[in-house]
Protein backbone atom coordinates (compact mmCIF):
# COMPACT_ATOMS: atom_id res chain seq x y z
CA UNK A 1 -53.45 -5.53 68.89
CA UNK A 2 -56.17 -7.46 70.43
CA UNK A 3 -56.64 -11.03 69.91
CA UNK A 4 -59.68 -12.85 70.19
CA UNK A 5 -59.38 -16.31 72.47
CA UNK A 6 -60.11 -19.42 70.67
CA UNK A 7 -63.03 -21.51 72.25
CA UNK A 8 -62.15 -24.60 74.38
CA UNK A 9 -61.81 -27.46 72.12
CA UNK A 10 -64.19 -29.33 74.29
CA UNK A 11 -67.12 -27.30 73.47
CA UNK A 12 -68.98 -27.67 69.88
CA UNK A 13 -68.96 -25.30 67.45
CA UNK A 14 -72.13 -23.21 66.46
CA UNK A 15 -73.20 -23.05 62.79
CA UNK A 16 -74.27 -19.81 62.19
CA UNK A 17 -77.12 -19.24 59.37
CA UNK A 18 -78.83 -16.18 58.26
CA UNK A 19 -82.05 -15.47 60.08
CA UNK A 20 -85.23 -15.49 58.09
CA UNK A 21 -85.59 -11.72 58.77
CA UNK A 22 -81.90 -11.01 57.69
CA UNK A 23 -82.07 -8.14 54.86
CA UNK A 24 -78.97 -10.43 53.05
CA UNK A 25 -78.50 -13.80 52.73
CA UNK A 26 -75.23 -14.95 54.09
CA UNK A 27 -75.18 -12.08 56.68
CA UNK A 28 -72.80 -12.63 59.78
CA UNK A 29 -73.65 -11.50 62.96
CA UNK A 30 -71.74 -8.41 64.24
CA UNK A 31 -68.80 -9.30 66.71
CA UNK A 32 -66.20 -7.42 68.66
CA UNK A 33 -63.68 -8.55 66.49
CA UNK A 34 -61.82 -5.39 65.22
CA UNK A 35 -61.42 -7.10 61.52
CA UNK A 36 -64.09 -6.03 59.00
CA UNK A 37 -64.19 -7.38 55.72
CA UNK A 38 -65.88 -5.66 52.65
CA UNK A 39 -66.95 -7.81 49.86
CA UNK A 40 -66.58 -5.97 46.27
CA UNK A 41 -68.20 -7.17 43.20
CA UNK A 42 -66.13 -7.39 39.71
CA UNK A 43 -69.20 -7.54 37.86
CA UNK A 44 -70.73 -4.53 36.99
CA UNK A 45 -74.63 -3.99 36.47
CA UNK A 46 -75.35 -3.87 32.81
CA UNK A 47 -78.27 -1.23 32.02
CA UNK A 48 -81.50 -3.67 30.76
CA UNK A 49 -81.82 -1.69 27.76
CA UNK A 50 -78.37 -2.34 26.44
CA UNK A 51 -79.01 -6.23 27.06
CA UNK A 52 -81.95 -5.96 25.51
CA UNK A 53 -80.57 -4.47 22.36
CA UNK A 54 -78.03 -7.04 22.42
CA UNK A 55 -80.30 -10.09 22.55
CA UNK A 56 -82.34 -8.44 19.91
CA UNK A 57 -79.62 -8.06 17.50
CA UNK A 58 -78.73 -11.64 17.81
CA UNK A 59 -82.40 -12.44 17.46
CA UNK A 60 -82.79 -10.78 14.20
CA UNK A 61 -79.44 -12.39 12.90
CA UNK A 62 -80.89 -15.93 13.82
CA UNK A 63 -84.38 -14.97 11.90
CA UNK A 64 -83.03 -16.95 8.97
CA UNK A 65 -86.51 -16.57 6.94
CA UNK A 66 -86.74 -12.88 7.97
CA UNK A 67 -90.47 -12.98 8.95
CA UNK A 68 -90.11 -11.67 11.97
CA UNK A 69 -90.98 -14.76 13.88
CA UNK A 70 -88.96 -17.33 15.58
CA UNK A 71 -89.10 -21.07 15.45
CA UNK A 72 -87.29 -23.60 17.90
CA UNK A 73 -84.57 -23.74 15.54
CA UNK A 74 -83.75 -20.10 14.91
CA UNK A 75 -84.14 -19.68 18.63
CA UNK A 76 -81.60 -22.59 19.13
CA UNK A 77 -79.19 -20.68 17.10
CA UNK A 78 -79.82 -17.53 18.78
CA UNK A 79 -79.13 -19.22 22.12
CA UNK A 80 -75.98 -20.71 21.00
CA UNK A 81 -74.93 -17.13 19.54
CA UNK A 82 -75.62 -15.83 22.96
CA UNK A 83 -73.09 -18.65 24.85
CA UNK A 84 -76.13 -20.64 25.91
CA UNK A 85 -75.29 -24.35 27.48
CA UNK A 86 -77.58 -26.93 25.82
CA UNK A 87 -79.31 -24.17 23.68
CA UNK A 88 -81.74 -26.68 22.12
CA UNK A 89 -83.01 -27.47 25.76
CA UNK A 90 -83.10 -24.08 26.48
CA UNK A 91 -84.93 -23.13 23.22
CA UNK A 92 -87.66 -25.71 24.15
CA UNK A 93 -87.75 -24.26 28.01
CA UNK A 94 -88.32 -20.55 26.77
CA UNK A 95 -91.18 -21.96 24.30
CA UNK A 96 -92.81 -23.39 26.99
CA UNK A 97 -92.54 -20.21 28.72
CA UNK A 98 -93.36 -17.49 25.99
CA UNK A 99 -95.16 -19.14 23.45
CA UNK A 100 -99.01 -18.45 24.74
CA UNK A 101 -100.72 -19.93 21.59
CA UNK A 102 -98.87 -22.70 21.08
CA UNK A 103 -98.58 -22.29 17.48
CA UNK A 104 -94.76 -23.19 17.60
CA UNK A 105 -93.88 -19.73 16.46
CA UNK A 106 -92.50 -16.87 18.83
CA UNK A 107 -94.20 -13.84 17.30
CA UNK A 108 -95.92 -10.24 18.28
CA UNK A 109 -96.20 -9.72 21.83
CA UNK A 110 -94.40 -13.21 22.62
CA UNK A 111 -91.00 -11.52 21.26
CA UNK A 112 -91.32 -8.98 24.45
CA UNK A 113 -92.08 -12.06 26.82
CA UNK A 114 -89.21 -13.59 24.95
CA UNK A 115 -86.83 -10.66 25.57
CA UNK A 116 -87.65 -10.63 29.35
CA UNK A 117 -87.30 -14.24 29.82
CA UNK A 118 -83.80 -14.15 28.44
CA UNK A 119 -82.70 -10.96 30.14
CA UNK A 120 -84.03 -12.30 33.35
CA UNK A 121 -81.93 -15.82 32.92
CA UNK A 122 -78.74 -13.62 32.29
CA UNK A 123 -78.45 -13.89 28.66
CA UNK A 124 -77.12 -10.91 26.76
CA UNK A 125 -74.14 -9.80 29.33
């Protein structure tokens, strides 16, 4: 067993930061240490289509008047069902991003944008 000597206490410790050309954030430079650490993620990657189907089902349930369009209140209920914190605020943010014609309704092509927006923000997992 090989032990790595400790640096003298009178020397300042060097802070290790990832370089800008590093492929991974938080990557630690290789050392002569015999110990190796492997990180394993418990979270499985969920296919995008499964996530989109889940979100679409929740949106269909939240469409109270069944007109195929979503107002802020309907989206707020959908986001609440998807487990969002502050669903009212999140609904407002989503509307700012996806309601292209600013008519207060998300419909047609805007629904596709809404699905992409919600998936990119981690909903449906």
